[in-house]
């Protein structure tokens, strides 16, 4: 009996010894495998196997990290090291002065499931250049260029104002009315038509997309990027994100199928028609195929809706909180445009205060705080640190928009940031809400046009005030974008 007990104890220690040996071996391998290269950007101590997965990847946490480690620092997520770049000086160095060093996109597992590295936003190399050039050309040529787009925005502004007027001065949530209005502009470009605000399918697309955008900024969803092989089998927000995108794709597929039925290559009506023509050209590396068409339409619809609509929601929030600024905008509108006609783009140079207010809303609204990740396309040096080819880079655009060295009162809503001593509009180099460099937002010019025309038309026709006792919050909801918390607004006709 004693021998049996001794043997059992020895067997136990053999098993335990093996487990300890395996653990130590894996630990050593993890240390060797994930050892940073010489002169790599500094960062906090990371856990074995896991890295810094408990460090939040929101812009406020990133600002705090920059205070501790400088404008160029790194975090380890699983087996990947990500470099974060903060402050106007260093972000400009990366995106403008070294624009060829950080022009690629990394594989982002959470989105790769859907977007597959094709299309406009997440592709690289020859495919990206061709897809971006094609989309850019179509945006410029649509409806005879800027004049055509301006006309569509003016028409949609009328529909939007009518929807606001139907609320008869009662408090209402403008969220999806604004999303629908802005979404109709890019829909006109992509599909050749707008959607009624009562269209259930389009409302479904907008709600599914909004939910996906918010969830993608959550810590649990971002964990998918670290352990995709495991988490794809487990429940979590990533499952909702993927499900939402699949449902949106099904609805977009119906629109594309309708185009195929009456497609006339000699008379293209919109982006989809022109893309169908491009598919027939023999250049497979350019990526023009039916799968890419779906992804491109999804990207254009999402990018062309979410950021501008969110900015307009922030605009209503700030007009309610600062009624004296709203009155100054209305006074300028009355002086330059009056009430007998709609605003147009030729009015903007004569409306420096309104232009300054719109820019300040974009700045302090901080719509896309961290932009979309980029990747170093070659070995390079930034801020005195070595960054190897293939390293994922995140530029903290929020830190540029709130840089103490660039803005007189960065944490205050202050349109004077964009006005000179004579009250004329002045450009600011640190105004980078659309990012910069080769991956600058494709729709920047369209977005600027939409913001001016929608905002000016709304403030021309209405005064916006909160529901008594329900002043909107400035805290914001942080997903992939930074959006206002849901609020009620009263639109009182002028």
Protein backbone atom coordinates (compact mmCIF):
# COMPACT_ATOMS: atom_id res chain seq x y z
CA UNK A 1 0.00 0.00 0.00
CA UNK A 2 2.84 2.35 0.90
CA UNK A 3 4.56 1.61 -2.42
CA UNK A 4 1.37 2.39 -4.28
CA UNK A 5 1.03 5.73 -2.48
CA UNK A 6 4.67 6.62 -3.23
CA UNK A 7 4.20 5.69 -6.88
CA UNK A 8 1.07 7.84 -7.10
CA UNK A 9 2.95 10.81 -5.62
CA UNK A 10 5.80 10.34 -8.11
CA UNK A 11 3.34 10.08 -11.00
CA UNK A 12 1.65 13.28 -9.83
CA UNK A 13 4.92 15.17 -9.72
CA UNK A 14 5.82 13.80 -13.15
CA UNK A 15 2.60 15.20 -14.58
CA UNK A 16 3.03 18.44 -12.66
CA UNK A 17 6.67 18.68 -13.75
CA UNK A 18 5.65 18.20 -17.39
CA UNK A 19 3.01 20.91 -17.11
CA UNK A 20 5.50 23.29 -15.48
CA UNK A 21 8.06 22.53 -18.19
CA UNK A 22 5.49 23.12 -20.95
CA UNK A 23 4.38 26.39 -19.36
CA UNK A 24 7.96 27.65 -18.94
CA UNK A 25 8.79 26.61 -22.51
CA UNK A 26 5.77 28.46 -23.90
CA UNK A 27 6.59 31.47 -21.75
CA UNK A 28 10.17 31.62 -23.06
CA UNK A 29 8.92 31.19 -26.64
CA UNK A 30 6.41 34.00 -26.11
CA UNK A 31 9.15 36.30 -24.80
CA UNK A 32 11.46 35.48 -27.71
CA UNK A 33 8.73 35.68 -30.33
CA UNK A 34 7.30 38.96 -29.09
CA UNK A 35 10.52 40.72 -28.18
CA UNK A 36 10.32 44.23 -29.70
CA UNK A 37 13.01 45.14 -32.24
CA UNK A 38 15.80 47.50 -31.16
CA UNK A 39 14.71 51.12 -30.68
CA UNK A 40 11.02 50.25 -31.05
CA UNK A 41 8.53 52.80 -29.61
CA UNK A 42 8.14 52.39 -25.84
CA UNK A 43 5.00 51.23 -24.09
CA UNK A 44 3.68 49.72 -20.87
CA UNK A 45 4.69 46.30 -19.59
CA UNK A 46 2.57 43.59 -21.21
CA UNK A 47 1.24 40.28 -19.94
CA UNK A 48 2.68 37.05 -21.36
CA UNK A 49 0.52 35.59 -24.16
CA UNK A 50 -2.11 38.34 -23.82
CA UNK A 51 -0.17 41.60 -24.14
CA UNK A 52 -2.02 44.80 -23.17
CA UNK A 53 -5.52 43.48 -23.88
CA UNK A 54 -6.85 45.16 -20.72
CA UNK A 55 -5.76 48.60 -21.94
CA UNK A 56 -8.71 50.45 -23.48
CA UNK A 57 -8.27 51.56 -27.08
CA UNK A 58 -10.38 54.72 -26.88
CA UNK A 59 -9.04 58.19 -27.61
CA UNK A 60 -9.12 59.33 -23.97
CA UNK A 61 -7.00 56.36 -22.88
CA UNK A 62 -4.68 57.00 -25.82
CA UNK A 63 -4.22 60.63 -24.74
CA UNK A 64 -3.22 59.45 -21.26
CA UNK A 65 -0.73 56.94 -22.74
CA UNK A 66 0.86 59.71 -24.83
CA UNK A 67 1.41 61.74 -21.66
CA UNK A 68 3.26 58.80 -20.11
CA UNK A 69 5.23 57.49 -23.11
CA UNK A 70 5.42 60.36 -25.61
CA UNK A 71 3.76 61.00 -28.99
CA UNK A 72 4.98 57.70 -30.48
CA UNK A 73 4.39 54.63 -28.32
CA UNK A 74 3.30 51.02 -28.66
CA UNK A 75 0.94 48.44 -27.18
CA UNK A 76 0.99 44.70 -27.58
CA UNK A 77 -2.29 42.96 -28.42
CA UNK A 78 -1.81 39.20 -28.38
CA UNK A 79 1.13 38.61 -30.72
CA UNK A 80 0.86 41.96 -32.49
CA UNK A 81 2.50 45.25 -31.57
CA UNK A 82 0.57 48.37 -32.56
CA UNK A 83 2.16 51.82 -32.75
CA UNK A 84 0.08 54.84 -31.76
CA UNK A 85 0.90 58.34 -32.99
CA UNK A 86 -0.38 61.44 -31.17
CA UNK A 87 -0.22 65.22 -31.52
CA UNK A 88 -0.32 67.38 -34.63
CA UNK A 89 3.43 67.50 -35.19
CA UNK A 90 3.95 63.72 -35.19
CA UNK A 91 0.70 62.84 -36.99
CA UNK A 92 1.61 65.30 -39.77
CA UNK A 93 5.10 63.79 -39.95
CA UNK A 94 3.60 60.33 -40.44
CA UNK A 95 0.71 61.11 -42.81
CA UNK A 96 2.10 64.02 -44.83
CA UNK A 97 5.90 64.10 -44.71
CA UNK A 98 6.19 60.30 -44.79
CA UNK A 99 3.00 59.63 -46.75
CA UNK A 100 4.56 56.72 -48.67
CA UNK A 101 5.64 54.97 -45.46
CA UNK A 102 2.16 54.58 -43.96
CA UNK A 103 -0.18 54.13 -46.92
CA UNK A 104 -1.12 50.45 -46.53
CA UNK A 105 -3.92 48.81 -44.55
CA UNK A 106 -3.33 45.92 -42.13
CA UNK A 107 -5.65 42.91 -41.95
CA UNK A 108 -8.20 43.73 -39.28
CA UNK A 109 -9.84 40.38 -38.36
CA UNK A 110 -13.09 41.94 -37.08
CA UNK A 111 -13.76 43.61 -40.45
CA UNK A 112 -11.84 41.20 -42.67
CA UNK A 113 -14.63 38.63 -42.23
CA UNK A 114 -16.90 40.98 -44.20
CA UNK A 115 -14.66 43.21 -46.30
CA UNK A 116 -11.99 40.58 -47.15
CA UNK A 117 -9.30 43.12 -48.04
CA UNK A 118 -11.09 44.15 -51.24
CA UNK A 119 -12.98 47.30 -52.21
CA UNK A 120 -11.83 50.87 -51.54
CA UNK A 121 -11.07 51.24 -47.83
CA UNK A 122 -9.25 48.04 -46.85
CA UNK A 123 -7.51 47.01 -50.05
CA UNK A 124 -3.85 47.69 -50.86
CA UNK A 125 -1.51 48.18 -53.80
CA UNK A 126 -2.72 48.05 -57.39
CA UNK A 127 -6.28 47.08 -56.45
CA UNK A 128 -6.63 49.97 -54.00
CA UNK A 129 -5.28 52.52 -56.47
CA UNK A 130 -7.71 51.40 -59.16
CA UNK A 131 -10.76 51.15 -56.89
CA UNK A 132 -10.09 54.54 -55.30
CA UNK A 133 -9.42 56.23 -58.63
CA UNK A 134 -12.62 54.79 -60.09
CA UNK A 135 -14.74 55.95 -57.13
CA UNK A 136 -13.09 59.38 -57.11
CA UNK A 137 -13.70 59.85 -60.84
CA UNK A 138 -17.35 58.93 -60.46
CA UNK A 139 -17.88 61.29 -57.52
CA UNK A 140 -16.41 64.11 -59.60
CA UNK A 141 -18.40 63.34 -62.74
CA UNK A 142 -21.75 62.58 -61.12
CA UNK A 143 -24.50 64.96 -62.25
CA UNK A 144 -21.95 67.21 -63.98
CA UNK A 145 -19.72 67.26 -60.94
CA UNK A 146 -20.09 69.64 -58.02
CA UNK A 147 -23.12 71.44 -59.47
CA UNK A 148 -25.00 68.16 -59.80
CA UNK A 149 -24.19 67.12 -56.24
CA UNK A 150 -25.07 70.57 -54.94
CA UNK A 151 -28.49 70.33 -56.62
CA UNK A 152 -29.17 66.92 -55.04
CA UNK A 153 -28.19 68.19 -51.58
CA UNK A 154 -30.45 71.23 -51.97
CA UNK A 155 -33.39 69.02 -52.96
CA UNK A 156 -32.75 66.66 -50.05
CA UNK A 157 -32.50 69.64 -47.69
CA UNK A 158 -36.08 70.49 -48.63
CA UNK A 159 -37.26 66.95 -47.82
CA UNK A 160 -35.36 67.08 -44.52
CA UNK A 161 -36.90 70.44 -43.55
CA UNK A 162 -40.35 69.12 -44.39
CA UNK A 163 -39.78 66.12 -42.10
CA UNK A 164 -38.70 68.48 -39.30
CA UNK A 165 -41.72 70.73 -39.93
CA UNK A 166 -44.08 67.76 -39.61
CA UNK A 167 -43.01 67.43 -35.96
CA UNK A 168 -44.88 70.73 -35.37
CA UNK A 169 -42.47 72.04 -32.75
CA UNK A 170 -42.69 68.92 -30.59
CA UNK A 171 -39.56 67.29 -29.21
CA UNK A 172 -38.28 64.48 -31.44
CA UNK A 173 -35.17 62.39 -31.97
CA UNK A 174 -33.56 63.52 -35.27
CA UNK A 175 -31.08 60.63 -35.43
CA UNK A 176 -32.41 58.50 -38.28
CA UNK A 177 -34.11 61.33 -40.16
CA UNK A 178 -30.67 62.93 -40.52
CA UNK A 179 -29.07 59.57 -41.38
CA UNK A 180 -31.69 59.03 -44.08
CA UNK A 181 -31.22 62.52 -45.55
CA UNK A 182 -27.43 62.25 -45.70
CA UNK A 183 -27.62 58.62 -46.87
CA UNK A 184 -29.82 59.72 -49.75
CA UNK A 185 -27.02 61.83 -51.23
CA UNK A 186 -24.59 58.92 -51.54
CA UNK A 187 -27.52 56.67 -52.57
CA UNK A 188 -28.21 59.04 -55.46
CA UNK A 189 -24.59 58.69 -56.52
CA UNK A 190 -24.41 54.91 -56.08
CA UNK A 191 -27.93 53.74 -56.98
CA UNK A 192 -29.27 56.68 -58.95
CA UNK A 193 -32.17 57.41 -56.59
CA UNK A 194 -33.07 58.46 -53.04
CA UNK A 195 -35.14 56.56 -50.46
CA UNK A 196 -38.25 57.89 -48.76
CA UNK A 197 -37.85 58.43 -45.02
CA UNK A 198 -40.58 55.81 -44.58
CA UNK A 199 -38.69 53.17 -46.62
CA UNK A 200 -38.43 50.21 -44.24
CA UNK A 201 -35.51 48.51 -46.00
CA UNK A 202 -33.35 51.65 -46.02
CA UNK A 203 -34.25 52.40 -42.41
CA UNK A 204 -33.21 48.84 -41.59
CA UNK A 205 -29.85 49.35 -43.33
CA UNK A 206 -29.24 52.58 -41.39
CA UNK A 207 -30.10 51.01 -38.02
CA UNK A 208 -28.06 47.87 -38.63
CA UNK A 209 -25.07 49.93 -39.73
CA UNK A 210 -25.35 52.33 -36.81
CA UNK A 211 -25.41 49.42 -34.36
CA UNK A 212 -22.36 47.84 -36.03
CA UNK A 213 -20.42 51.14 -35.91
CA UNK A 214 -21.13 51.60 -32.19
CA UNK A 215 -20.38 47.98 -31.26
CA UNK A 216 -17.11 47.89 -33.23
CA UNK A 217 -15.63 50.40 -30.79
CA UNK A 218 -16.36 48.23 -27.74
CA UNK A 219 -13.54 46.46 -25.90
CA UNK A 220 -15.19 43.05 -26.35
CA UNK A 221 -15.52 43.51 -30.11
CA UNK A 222 -11.88 44.62 -30.39
CA UNK A 223 -10.85 41.48 -28.53
CA UNK A 224 -11.85 39.59 -31.68
CA UNK A 225 -8.80 41.09 -33.41
CA UNK A 226 -6.55 39.44 -30.82
CA UNK A 227 -8.15 35.96 -30.72
CA UNK A 228 -10.23 35.56 -33.91
CA UNK A 229 -9.65 31.81 -34.12
CA UNK A 230 -11.32 31.26 -30.74
CA UNK A 231 -13.89 34.05 -30.58
CA UNK A 232 -15.50 33.25 -33.94
CA UNK A 233 -17.10 30.26 -32.19
CA UNK A 234 -18.21 32.22 -29.11
CA UNK A 235 -21.08 34.69 -28.59
CA UNK A 236 -20.31 38.40 -28.32
CA UNK A 237 -20.72 41.77 -30.06
CA UNK A 238 -18.59 40.56 -32.99
CA UNK A 239 -21.37 38.13 -33.91
CA UNK A 240 -23.89 41.00 -34.01
CA UNK A 241 -21.52 43.14 -36.11
CA UNK A 242 -21.02 40.38 -38.67
CA UNK A 243 -24.73 39.49 -38.73
CA UNK A 244 -25.66 43.15 -39.30
CA UNK A 245 -23.26 43.51 -42.21
CA UNK A 246 -24.51 40.30 -43.82
CA UNK A 247 -28.09 41.60 -43.61
CA UNK A 248 -27.06 44.93 -45.15
CA UNK A 249 -25.26 43.09 -47.97
CA UNK A 250 -28.42 41.10 -48.72
CA UNK A 251 -30.41 44.33 -49.11
CA UNK A 252 -27.71 45.95 -51.27
CA UNK A 253 -27.60 42.82 -53.44
CA UNK A 254 -31.28 43.33 -54.30
CA UNK A 255 -30.50 46.89 -55.48
CA UNK A 256 -27.59 45.67 -57.61
CA UNK A 257 -29.70 42.86 -59.11
CA UNK A 258 -32.30 45.45 -60.16
CA UNK A 259 -29.55 47.36 -61.95
CA UNK A 260 -28.42 44.25 -63.79
CA UNK A 261 -31.93 43.66 -65.13
CA UNK A 262 -32.13 46.97 -67.04
CA UNK A 263 -28.44 47.83 -67.34
CA UNK A 264 -27.48 49.67 -70.53
CA UNK A 265 -23.69 50.02 -70.81
CA UNK A 266 -24.16 52.84 -73.34
CA UNK A 267 -26.17 54.92 -70.86
CA UNK A 268 -24.79 54.51 -67.31
CA UNK A 269 -27.05 56.06 -64.68
CA UNK A 270 -24.89 55.84 -61.58
CA UNK A 271 -21.90 54.26 -59.84
CA UNK A 272 -23.30 50.71 -60.01
CA UNK A 273 -23.91 50.94 -63.78
CA UNK A 274 -20.40 52.24 -64.39
CA UNK A 275 -18.94 49.52 -62.16
CA UNK A 276 -20.81 46.81 -64.11
CA UNK A 277 -19.17 48.16 -67.27
CA UNK A 278 -15.76 48.09 -65.58
CA UNK A 279 -16.22 44.42 -64.60
CA UNK A 280 -16.16 43.43 -68.26
CA UNK A 281 -12.69 44.88 -68.77
CA UNK A 282 -9.90 42.30 -68.54
CA UNK A 283 -7.79 43.40 -65.57
CA UNK A 284 -8.39 40.92 -62.73
CA UNK A 285 -5.72 42.46 -60.49
CA UNK A 286 -7.71 45.72 -60.40
CA UNK A 287 -10.40 43.83 -58.49
CA UNK A 288 -13.48 44.83 -60.49
CA UNK A 289 -15.90 41.94 -59.94
CA UNK A 290 -19.35 41.34 -58.49
CA UNK A 291 -18.00 40.62 -54.98
CA UNK A 292 -16.00 43.87 -54.92
CA UNK A 293 -19.04 45.78 -56.19
CA UNK A 294 -21.02 44.73 -53.12
CA UNK A 295 -18.18 45.73 -50.79
CA UNK A 296 -17.65 49.08 -52.53
CA UNK A 297 -21.34 50.00 -52.32
CA UNK A 298 -21.35 49.05 -48.64
CA UNK A 299 -18.24 51.17 -47.97
CA UNK A 300 -19.56 54.19 -49.88
CA UNK A 301 -22.95 54.03 -48.19
CA UNK A 302 -21.43 53.64 -44.72
CA UNK A 303 -18.68 56.24 -45.10
CA UNK A 304 -21.01 58.62 -46.95
CA UNK A 305 -23.67 58.52 -44.24
CA UNK A 306 -22.33 57.99 -40.74
CA UNK A 307 -19.75 60.76 -40.32
CA UNK A 308 -21.75 63.64 -41.88
CA UNK A 309 -25.02 62.63 -40.18
CA UNK A 310 -23.21 62.36 -36.84
CA UNK A 311 -21.66 65.81 -37.36
CA UNK A 312 -25.12 67.26 -38.04
CA UNK A 313 -26.43 65.70 -34.85
CA UNK A 314 -23.58 67.34 -32.93
CA UNK A 315 -24.50 70.59 -34.71
CA UNK A 316 -28.02 70.47 -33.30
CA UNK A 317 -26.64 69.69 -29.84
CA UNK A 318 -24.29 72.69 -29.87
CA UNK A 319 -26.92 75.04 -31.29
CA UNK A 320 -29.21 74.10 -28.41
CA UNK A 321 -26.53 74.50 -25.78
CA UNK A 322 -25.20 77.77 -27.26
CA UNK A 323 -28.31 79.65 -28.50
CA UNK A 324 -26.31 82.90 -28.78
CA UNK A 325 -24.07 81.24 -31.42
CA UNK A 326 -27.15 79.93 -33.24
CA UNK A 327 -28.51 83.51 -33.33
CA UNK A 328 -25.24 84.83 -34.79
CA UNK A 329 -25.39 82.19 -37.55
CA UNK A 330 -29.02 83.13 -38.30
CA UNK A 331 -28.11 86.82 -38.42
CA UNK A 332 -25.38 86.07 -41.00
CA UNK A 333 -27.80 83.94 -43.02
CA UNK A 334 -30.38 86.76 -43.00
CA UNK A 335 -27.72 89.26 -44.09
CA UNK A 336 -26.19 87.17 -46.90
CA UNK A 337 -29.02 84.91 -48.10
CA UNK A 338 -32.27 86.13 -46.58
CA UNK A 339 -35.39 83.97 -46.46
CA UNK A 340 -36.44 84.05 -50.10
CA UNK A 341 -33.98 81.49 -51.50
CA UNK A 342 -31.98 78.42 -50.51
CA UNK A 343 -28.31 78.56 -49.56
CA UNK A 344 -25.82 77.52 -52.23
CA UNK A 345 -22.10 76.91 -52.22
CA UNK A 346 -21.29 80.34 -53.66
CA UNK A 347 -22.59 81.79 -50.38
CA UNK A 348 -19.90 80.13 -48.27
CA UNK A 349 -17.06 82.65 -48.91
CA UNK A 350 -19.45 85.41 -47.74
CA UNK A 351 -20.37 83.57 -44.54
CA UNK A 352 -17.17 83.29 -42.50
CA UNK A 353 -18.92 82.94 -39.13
CA UNK A 354 -21.20 80.10 -40.28
CA UNK A 355 -18.21 78.38 -41.89
CA UNK A 356 -16.25 78.77 -38.64
CA UNK A 357 -19.12 77.30 -36.59
CA UNK A 358 -19.32 74.25 -38.88
CA UNK A 359 -15.56 73.69 -38.63
CA UNK A 360 -15.65 74.05 -34.84
CA UNK A 361 -18.49 71.49 -34.64
CA UNK A 362 -16.34 69.08 -36.63
CA UNK A 363 -13.32 69.77 -34.44
CA UNK A 364 -14.93 69.44 -31.04
CA UNK A 365 -17.39 66.76 -32.19
CA UNK A 366 -14.33 64.60 -32.89
CA UNK A 367 -16.32 62.26 -35.11
CA UNK A 368 -13.65 59.66 -36.00
CA UNK A 369 -11.14 60.00 -33.13
CA UNK A 370 -8.66 57.30 -34.13
CA UNK A 371 -9.29 57.05 -37.86
CA UNK A 372 -8.79 53.65 -39.45
CA UNK A 373 -5.58 51.68 -38.81
CA UNK A 374 -2.74 51.91 -41.30
CA UNK A 375 0.35 49.79 -41.80
CA UNK A 376 3.96 50.66 -42.49
CA UNK A 377 4.75 49.73 -46.07
CA UNK A 378 8.52 49.73 -45.44
CA UNK A 379 11.04 49.97 -42.60
CA UNK A 380 11.00 53.55 -41.39
CA UNK A 381 11.87 55.87 -38.50
CA UNK A 382 9.37 58.11 -36.74
CA UNK A 383 10.06 60.34 -33.76
CA UNK A 384 13.48 58.75 -33.46
CA UNK A 385 12.04 55.22 -33.17
CA UNK A 386 12.40 52.31 -35.58
CA UNK A 387 9.14 50.99 -37.08
CA UNK A 388 9.52 47.79 -39.14
CA UNK A 389 7.62 47.10 -42.32
CA UNK A 390 4.20 45.55 -41.63
CA UNK A 391 3.64 47.30 -38.28
CA UNK A 392 0.05 48.41 -37.61
CA UNK A 393 -0.23 52.17 -37.02
CA UNK A 394 -3.06 54.12 -35.41
CA UNK A 395 -3.03 57.92 -35.71
CA UNK A 396 -4.87 59.65 -32.88
CA UNK A 397 -6.74 62.34 -34.84
CA UNK A 398 -8.46 63.42 -31.63
CA UNK A 399 -5.10 64.45 -30.19
CA UNK A 400 -4.60 66.71 -33.24
CA UNK A 401 -8.02 68.35 -32.93
CA UNK A 402 -7.39 69.01 -29.23
CA UNK A 403 -3.65 69.73 -29.35
CA UNK A 404 -2.81 72.37 -26.72
CA UNK A 405 0.00 73.67 -28.91
CA UNK A 406 -2.32 74.32 -31.85
CA UNK A 407 -5.64 75.54 -30.40
CA UNK A 408 -6.18 78.53 -28.12
CA UNK A 409 -8.94 76.84 -26.09
CA UNK A 410 -9.04 73.21 -27.27
CA UNK A 411 -11.63 71.96 -24.78
CA UNK A 412 -14.11 74.80 -25.36
CA UNK A 413 -16.61 75.20 -28.20
CA UNK A 414 -15.14 78.32 -29.76
CA UNK A 415 -15.81 79.30 -33.41
CA UNK A 416 -13.10 81.99 -33.06
CA UNK A 417 -10.60 79.18 -33.62
CA UNK A 418 -11.43 79.61 -37.31
CA UNK A 419 -11.70 83.42 -37.49
CA UNK A 420 -8.94 85.99 -37.84
CA UNK A 421 -8.83 89.38 -36.14
CA UNK A 422 -11.01 90.85 -38.93
CA UNK A 423 -13.69 88.18 -38.51
CA UNK A 424 -12.71 86.43 -41.75
CA UNK A 425 -12.47 82.66 -42.00
CA UNK A 426 -8.99 81.21 -41.54
CA UNK A 427 -7.79 77.71 -42.26
CA UNK A 428 -6.01 75.78 -39.51
CA UNK A 429 -3.32 73.22 -40.32
CA UNK A 430 -4.27 71.13 -37.29
CA UNK A 431 -7.83 70.68 -38.58
CA UNK A 432 -7.62 67.05 -39.72
CA UNK A 433 -11.05 65.43 -39.16
CA UNK A 434 -10.74 63.73 -42.57
CA UNK A 435 -7.21 62.48 -41.82
CA UNK A 436 -4.46 63.34 -44.34
CA UNK A 437 -2.04 61.85 -46.86
CA UNK A 438 -2.76 59.10 -49.34
CA UNK A 439 -5.56 57.62 -47.24
CA UNK A 440 -7.36 60.92 -46.68
CA UNK A 441 -11.15 60.53 -46.74
CA UNK A 442 -12.29 59.95 -50.33
CA UNK A 443 -15.52 61.91 -49.80
CA UNK A 444 -14.02 64.96 -48.07
CA UNK A 445 -15.23 67.48 -50.67
CA UNK A 446 -18.72 65.97 -50.76
CA UNK A 447 -18.87 65.95 -46.96
CA UNK A 448 -17.88 69.62 -46.76
CA UNK A 449 -20.59 70.50 -49.27
CA UNK A 450 -23.22 68.49 -47.40
CA UNK A 451 -22.33 70.00 -44.03
CA UNK A 452 -22.56 73.56 -45.32
CA UNK A 453 -25.80 73.14 -47.26
CA UNK A 454 -27.67 70.96 -44.78
CA UNK A 455 -26.62 72.99 -41.73
CA UNK A 456 -27.24 76.40 -43.28
CA UNK A 457 -30.64 75.38 -44.67
CA UNK A 458 -31.76 73.96 -41.31
CA UNK A 459 -30.68 77.03 -39.32
CA UNK A 460 -32.20 79.33 -41.98
CA UNK A 461 -35.62 77.75 -41.55
CA UNK A 462 -35.68 76.71 -37.88
CA UNK A 463 -34.55 77.71 -34.44
CA UNK A 464 -33.47 74.68 -32.44
CA UNK A 465 -34.17 74.42 -28.73
CA UNK A 466 -34.17 71.62 -26.17
CA UNK A 467 -37.25 70.08 -24.62
CA UNK A 468 -37.69 71.82 -21.23
CA UNK A 469 -35.63 70.03 -18.61
CA UNK A 470 -33.86 67.84 -21.18
CA UNK A 471 -30.70 69.65 -22.30
CA UNK A 472 -28.63 67.23 -24.42
CA UNK A 473 -25.41 65.77 -23.05
CA UNK A 474 -21.95 66.58 -24.41
CA UNK A 475 -20.51 63.31 -23.10
CA UNK A 476 -20.88 61.36 -26.35
CA UNK A 477 -21.07 57.67 -27.22
CA UNK A 478 -17.79 56.10 -28.29
CA UNK A 479 -17.95 53.37 -30.92
CA UNK A 480 -15.87 53.47 -34.08
CA UNK A 481 -17.23 57.02 -34.25
CA UNK A 482 -17.85 59.53 -31.46
CA UNK A 483 -21.55 60.40 -31.57
CA UNK A 484 -23.98 62.28 -29.31
CA UNK A 485 -26.15 60.42 -26.87
CA UNK A 486 -29.75 60.21 -28.12
CA UNK A 487 -31.53 63.51 -27.55
CA UNK A 488 -34.79 65.31 -28.29
CA UNK A 489 -34.88 68.61 -30.18
CA UNK A 490 -37.60 71.12 -30.92
CA UNK A 491 -37.46 72.63 -34.44
CA UNK A 492 -39.40 75.91 -34.34
CA UNK A 493 -39.98 77.51 -37.79
CA UNK A 494 -38.31 80.89 -38.30
